Amino acid sequence: MTTIKSGRRLIAKIRDYIEECRNADTKKPVFANVAGFCRFAGISVAEFLSLKRRFPGEFENAGAYFEDAALNSGATASLVGMYLREYGFWGNPATEDIICEHDGYEDGI
């Protein structure tokens, strides 16, 4: 079993997996996906999803890699949308933490 100990390692493994899918010697294109990546990396889907807390930026990049692979796979739009929503890569609005260092009482409002 593989342990992914850094965000850089996560992205490197995803690149390797997607490259393997692109170069697969099959009649149909191989759809790079989370389950296939987990099998390739030797981790469970739960372990993959837990990487979101440890490496949030890289996990977001991972989503972009899987989104790109899915959109370019030739799969139907409904399948791609369902797949990306399943793993939280689509359909969840981005939330930004807004930090205001302005003190309205001190500066007068």
N, C-alpha and C. Protein backbone atom coordinates (compact mmCIF):
# COMPACT_ATOMS: atom_id res chain seq x y z
N MET A 1 0.84 -1.18 0.00
CA MET A 1 0.00 0.00 0.00
C MET A 1 0.89 1.24 0.00
N THR A 2 0.52 2.21 -0.81
CA THR A 2 1.27 3.45 -0.95
C THR A 2 0.75 4.49 0.03
N THR A 3 1.64 5.29 0.53
CA THR A 3 1.23 6.43 1.34
C THR A 3 1.63 7.68 0.58
N ILE A 4 0.70 8.60 0.43
CA ILE A 4 1.00 9.87 -0.22
C ILE A 4 1.29 10.87 0.88
N LYS A 5 2.56 11.26 0.98
CA LYS A 5 3.01 12.07 2.11
C LYS A 5 3.14 13.55 1.79
N SER A 6 2.90 13.94 0.55
CA SER A 6 3.00 15.36 0.22
C SER A 6 2.05 15.68 -0.92
N GLY A 7 1.69 16.94 -1.02
CA GLY A 7 0.84 17.38 -2.11
C GLY A 7 1.53 17.22 -3.46
N ARG A 8 2.84 17.45 -3.48
CA ARG A 8 3.60 17.27 -4.72
C ARG A 8 3.56 15.82 -5.18
N ARG A 9 3.64 14.91 -4.22
CA ARG A 9 3.58 13.47 -4.56
C ARG A 9 2.20 13.11 -5.11
N LEU A 10 1.16 13.69 -4.53
CA LEU A 10 -0.20 13.46 -5.02
C LEU A 10 -0.31 13.86 -6.48
N ILE A 11 0.13 15.07 -6.81
CA ILE A 11 0.04 15.55 -8.19
C ILE A 11 0.90 14.70 -9.12
N ALA A 12 2.09 14.32 -8.67
CA ALA A 12 2.96 13.48 -9.50
C ALA A 12 2.30 12.13 -9.80
N LYS A 13 1.67 11.53 -8.80
CA LYS A 13 0.99 10.24 -8.99
C LYS A 13 -0.19 10.39 -9.95
N ILE A 14 -0.93 11.49 -9.82
CA ILE A 14 -2.07 11.72 -10.72
C ILE A 14 -1.58 11.89 -12.15
N ARG A 15 -0.52 12.65 -12.34
CA ARG A 15 0.05 12.82 -13.69
C ARG A 15 0.46 11.47 -14.28
N ASP A 16 1.13 10.65 -13.47
CA ASP A 16 1.54 9.32 -13.94
C ASP A 16 0.34 8.48 -14.34
N TYR A 17 -0.71 8.53 -13.52
CA TYR A 17 -1.91 7.74 -13.78
C TYR A 17 -2.59 8.21 -15.07
N ILE A 18 -2.76 9.52 -15.22
CA ILE A 18 -3.44 10.04 -16.41
C ILE A 18 -2.62 9.73 -17.66
N GLU A 19 -1.31 9.84 -17.56
CA GLU A 19 -0.45 9.49 -18.70
C GLU A 19 -0.61 8.01 -19.06
N GLU A 20 -0.70 7.15 -18.05
CA GLU A 20 -0.91 5.73 -18.32
C GLU A 20 -2.25 5.50 -19.00
N CYS A 21 -3.29 6.21 -18.58
CA CYS A 21 -4.60 6.08 -19.21
C CYS A 21 -4.54 6.53 -20.67
N ARG A 22 -3.86 7.63 -20.93
CA ARG A 22 -3.76 8.14 -22.30
C ARG A 22 -3.00 7.18 -23.21
N ASN A 23 -2.02 6.49 -22.65
CA ASN A 23 -1.18 5.60 -23.45
C ASN A 23 -1.66 4.15 -23.41
N ALA A 24 -2.81 3.91 -22.81
CA ALA A 24 -3.32 2.54 -22.70
C ALA A 24 -3.57 1.96 -24.09
N ASP A 25 -3.17 0.74 -24.29
CA ASP A 25 -3.32 0.07 -25.57
C ASP A 25 -4.66 -0.67 -25.58
N THR A 26 -5.74 0.10 -25.67
CA THR A 26 -7.08 -0.47 -25.68
C THR A 26 -7.84 0.08 -26.88
N LYS A 27 -8.94 -0.58 -27.22
CA LYS A 27 -9.75 -0.12 -28.35
C LYS A 27 -10.50 1.16 -28.01
N LYS A 28 -10.93 1.27 -26.78
CA LYS A 28 -11.65 2.47 -26.33
C LYS A 28 -10.72 3.29 -25.44
N PRO A 29 -10.89 4.62 -25.44
CA PRO A 29 -10.07 5.44 -24.54
C PRO A 29 -10.37 5.08 -23.08
N VAL A 30 -9.36 5.13 -22.25
CA VAL A 30 -9.52 4.85 -20.82
C VAL A 30 -9.88 6.16 -20.13
N PHE A 31 -10.99 6.15 -19.40
CA PHE A 31 -11.49 7.31 -18.68
C PHE A 31 -10.73 7.40 -17.36
N ALA A 32 -9.81 8.35 -17.25
CA ALA A 32 -9.08 8.54 -15.99
C ALA A 32 -10.09 8.94 -14.91
N ASN A 33 -10.11 8.22 -13.80
CA ASN A 33 -11.11 8.48 -12.78
C ASN A 33 -10.53 8.23 -11.39
N VAL A 34 -11.26 8.67 -10.39
CA VAL A 34 -10.77 8.58 -9.00
C VAL A 34 -10.57 7.13 -8.59
N ALA A 35 -11.53 6.26 -8.87
CA ALA A 35 -11.39 4.86 -8.47
C ALA A 35 -10.18 4.22 -9.14
N GLY A 36 -10.00 4.49 -10.42
CA GLY A 36 -8.85 3.96 -11.13
C GLY A 36 -7.54 4.50 -10.57
N PHE A 37 -7.55 5.80 -10.23
CA PHE A 37 -6.35 6.39 -9.62
C PHE A 37 -6.04 5.72 -8.29
N CYS A 38 -7.05 5.50 -7.48
CA CYS A 38 -6.83 4.87 -6.17
C CYS A 38 -6.25 3.47 -6.34
N ARG A 39 -6.75 2.72 -7.30
CA ARG A 39 -6.20 1.40 -7.59
C ARG A 39 -4.74 1.53 -8.02
N PHE A 40 -4.48 2.47 -8.92
CA PHE A 40 -3.12 2.71 -9.43
C PHE A 40 -2.16 3.10 -8.31
N ALA A 41 -2.64 3.97 -7.39
CA ALA A 41 -1.79 4.48 -6.31
C ALA A 41 -1.74 3.55 -5.11
N GLY A 42 -2.63 2.56 -5.06
CA GLY A 42 -2.63 1.64 -3.93
C GLY A 42 -3.23 2.23 -2.67
N ILE A 43 -4.21 3.12 -2.85
CA ILE A 43 -4.90 3.72 -1.70
C ILE A 43 -6.40 3.53 -1.87
N SER A 44 -7.14 3.69 -0.79
CA SER A 44 -8.60 3.59 -0.87
C SER A 44 -9.18 4.94 -1.28
N VAL A 45 -10.42 4.92 -1.73
CA VAL A 45 -11.10 6.17 -2.08
C VAL A 45 -11.20 7.06 -0.84
N ALA A 46 -11.48 6.46 0.32
CA ALA A 46 -11.55 7.25 1.56
C ALA A 46 -10.22 7.92 1.86
N GLU A 47 -9.11 7.21 1.64
CA GLU A 47 -7.79 7.81 1.85
C GLU A 47 -7.56 8.97 0.88
N PHE A 48 -7.98 8.78 -0.37
CA PHE A 48 -7.84 9.86 -1.35
C PHE A 48 -8.63 11.08 -0.90
N LEU A 49 -9.88 10.88 -0.51
CA LEU A 49 -10.71 12.01 -0.09
C LEU A 49 -10.17 12.68 1.16
N SER A 50 -9.49 11.93 2.03
CA SER A 50 -8.92 12.53 3.24
C SER A 50 -7.75 13.46 2.92
N LEU A 51 -7.17 13.32 1.74
CA LEU A 51 -6.07 14.19 1.34
C LEU A 51 -6.52 15.64 1.15
N LYS A 52 -7.83 15.83 1.01
CA LYS A 52 -8.37 17.19 0.85
C LYS A 52 -8.05 18.04 2.08
N ARG A 53 -8.08 17.44 3.27
CA ARG A 53 -7.77 18.19 4.49
C ARG A 53 -6.28 18.45 4.62
N ARG A 54 -5.46 17.48 4.22
CA ARG A 54 -4.01 17.61 4.38
C ARG A 54 -3.38 18.50 3.32
N PHE A 55 -3.88 18.41 2.10
CA PHE A 55 -3.29 19.15 0.98
C PHE A 55 -4.40 19.82 0.16
N PRO A 56 -5.08 20.84 0.73
CA PRO A 56 -6.24 21.40 0.05
C PRO A 56 -5.95 21.98 -1.34
N GLY A 57 -4.84 22.68 -1.49
CA GLY A 57 -4.52 23.25 -2.79
C GLY A 57 -4.25 22.19 -3.84
N GLU A 58 -3.47 21.21 -3.48
CA GLU A 58 -3.15 20.13 -4.41
C GLU A 58 -4.38 19.27 -4.70
N PHE A 59 -5.25 19.10 -3.70
CA PHE A 59 -6.48 18.34 -3.93
C PHE A 59 -7.35 19.06 -4.95
N GLU A 60 -7.40 20.39 -4.86
CA GLU A 60 -8.16 21.17 -5.84
C GLU A 60 -7.54 21.00 -7.23
N ASN A 61 -6.21 21.00 -7.30
CA ASN A 61 -5.54 20.74 -8.58
C ASN A 61 -5.85 19.34 -9.09
N ALA A 62 -5.91 18.37 -8.18
CA ALA A 62 -6.26 17.01 -8.57
C ALA A 62 -7.63 17.00 -9.25
N GLY A 63 -8.56 17.77 -8.68
CA GLY A 63 -9.88 17.89 -9.29
C GLY A 63 -9.81 18.42 -10.70
N ALA A 64 -8.92 19.41 -10.92
CA ALA A 64 -8.76 19.97 -12.27
C ALA A 64 -8.21 18.92 -13.23
N TYR A 65 -7.26 18.11 -12.77
CA TYR A 65 -6.72 17.04 -13.61
C TYR A 65 -7.82 16.05 -13.99
N PHE A 66 -8.61 15.62 -13.00
CA PHE A 66 -9.68 14.66 -13.29
C PHE A 66 -10.77 15.29 -14.15
N GLU A 67 -11.07 16.57 -13.92
CA GLU A 67 -12.06 17.25 -14.75
C GLU A 67 -11.60 17.30 -16.20
N ASP A 68 -10.36 17.70 -16.41
CA ASP A 68 -9.82 17.78 -17.77
C ASP A 68 -9.85 16.41 -18.44
N ALA A 69 -9.41 15.39 -17.72
CA ALA A 69 -9.41 14.03 -18.28
C ALA A 69 -10.83 13.59 -18.62
N ALA A 70 -11.79 13.89 -17.74
CA ALA A 70 -13.17 13.48 -17.98
C ALA A 70 -13.77 14.22 -19.18
N LEU A 71 -13.54 15.53 -19.24
CA LEU A 71 -14.10 16.31 -20.34
C LEU A 71 -13.52 15.91 -21.69
N ASN A 72 -12.29 15.46 -21.70
CA ASN A 72 -11.63 15.08 -22.95
C ASN A 72 -11.72 13.58 -23.24
N SER A 73 -12.50 12.86 -22.45
CA SER A 73 -12.58 11.41 -22.59
C SER A 73 -13.56 10.94 -23.65
N GLY A 74 -14.45 11.83 -24.06
CA GLY A 74 -15.48 11.41 -25.00
C GLY A 74 -16.73 10.88 -24.31
N ALA A 75 -16.73 10.86 -22.98
CA ALA A 75 -17.91 10.41 -22.23
C ALA A 75 -19.02 11.45 -22.37
N THR A 76 -20.25 11.01 -22.15
CA THR A 76 -21.38 11.93 -22.25
C THR A 76 -21.31 12.99 -21.16
N ALA A 77 -21.91 14.14 -21.44
CA ALA A 77 -21.91 15.24 -20.48
C ALA A 77 -22.58 14.84 -19.17
N SER A 78 -23.66 14.07 -19.26
CA SER A 78 -24.35 13.67 -18.02
C SER A 78 -23.47 12.76 -17.17
N LEU A 79 -22.73 11.85 -17.80
CA LEU A 79 -21.83 10.97 -17.05
C LEU A 79 -20.70 11.78 -16.42
N VAL A 80 -20.11 12.69 -17.18
CA VAL A 80 -19.02 13.51 -16.66
C VAL A 80 -19.50 14.36 -15.48
N GLY A 81 -20.66 15.00 -15.63
CA GLY A 81 -21.21 15.82 -14.55
C GLY A 81 -21.49 15.01 -13.30
N MET A 82 -22.11 13.84 -13.48
CA MET A 82 -22.41 12.98 -12.34
C MET A 82 -21.13 12.53 -11.64
N TYR A 83 -20.15 12.14 -12.41
CA TYR A 83 -18.87 11.67 -11.87
C TYR A 83 -18.17 12.78 -11.09
N LEU A 84 -18.09 13.98 -11.66
CA LEU A 84 -17.37 15.07 -11.00
C LEU A 84 -18.09 15.55 -9.74
N ARG A 85 -19.42 15.53 -9.76
CA ARG A 85 -20.17 15.90 -8.55
C ARG A 85 -20.00 14.86 -7.44
N GLU A 86 -19.90 13.60 -7.82
CA GLU A 86 -19.76 12.52 -6.84
C GLU A 86 -18.56 12.74 -5.93
N TYR A 87 -17.48 13.25 -6.49
CA TYR A 87 -16.26 13.44 -5.71
C TYR A 87 -16.05 14.89 -5.28
N GLY A 88 -17.07 15.73 -5.47
CA GLY A 88 -16.99 17.11 -4.99
C GLY A 88 -16.18 18.04 -5.87
N PHE A 89 -15.89 17.62 -7.12
CA PHE A 89 -15.12 18.48 -8.00
C PHE A 89 -16.01 19.48 -8.74
N TRP A 90 -17.30 19.22 -8.80
CA TRP A 90 -18.26 20.13 -9.42
C TRP A 90 -19.45 20.28 -8.50
N GLY A 91 -20.15 21.38 -8.64
CA GLY A 91 -21.41 21.55 -7.93
C GLY A 91 -21.30 22.15 -6.55
N ASN A 92 -20.11 22.27 -6.02
CA ASN A 92 -19.94 22.90 -4.72
C ASN A 92 -19.35 24.28 -4.94
N PRO A 93 -20.10 25.32 -4.63
CA PRO A 93 -19.56 26.66 -4.87
C PRO A 93 -18.31 26.91 -4.03
N ALA A 94 -17.38 27.58 -4.64
CA ALA A 94 -16.15 27.92 -3.91
C ALA A 94 -16.49 28.94 -2.84
N THR A 95 -15.94 28.74 -1.69
CA THR A 95 -16.14 29.70 -0.61
C THR A 95 -14.81 30.37 -0.31
N GLU A 96 -14.88 31.63 -0.13
CA GLU A 96 -13.69 32.41 0.18
C GLU A 96 -13.82 32.94 1.59
N ASP A 97 -12.74 32.90 2.33
CA ASP A 97 -12.71 33.52 3.64
C ASP A 97 -12.32 34.98 3.44
N ILE A 98 -13.20 35.85 3.84
CA ILE A 98 -12.93 37.27 3.71
C ILE A 98 -12.45 37.77 5.06
N ILE A 99 -11.28 38.34 5.06
CA ILE A 99 -10.69 38.86 6.29
C ILE A 99 -10.56 40.36 6.14
N CYS A 100 -11.20 41.06 7.01
CA CYS A 100 -11.16 42.53 6.97
C CYS A 100 -10.39 43.01 8.19
N GLU A 101 -9.31 43.68 7.93
CA GLU A 101 -8.50 44.19 9.03
C GLU A 101 -8.84 45.64 9.35
N HIS A 102 -9.93 46.09 8.83
CA HIS A 102 -10.40 47.46 9.07
C HIS A 102 -11.27 47.46 10.31
N ASP A 103 -10.99 48.32 11.24
CA ASP A 103 -11.80 48.45 12.45
C ASP A 103 -12.73 49.64 12.27
N GLY A 104 -13.98 49.33 12.02
CA GLY A 104 -14.96 50.38 11.77
C GLY A 104 -15.11 51.35 12.93
N TYR A 105 -15.04 50.85 14.15
CA TYR A 105 -15.19 51.72 15.31
C TYR A 105 -13.98 52.63 15.48
N GLU A 106 -12.80 52.06 15.24
CA GLU A 106 -11.58 52.85 15.40
C GLU A 106 -11.45 53.90 14.30
N ASP A 107 -11.80 53.53 13.08
CA ASP A 107 -11.65 54.43 11.95
C ASP A 107 -12.89 55.28 11.71
N GLY A 108 -13.93 55.01 12.44
CA GLY A 108 -15.19 55.74 12.26
C GLY A 108 -15.99 55.17 11.11
N ILE A 109 -17.25 54.87 11.39
CA ILE A 109 -18.10 54.32 10.34
C ILE A 109 -19.23 55.24 10.01
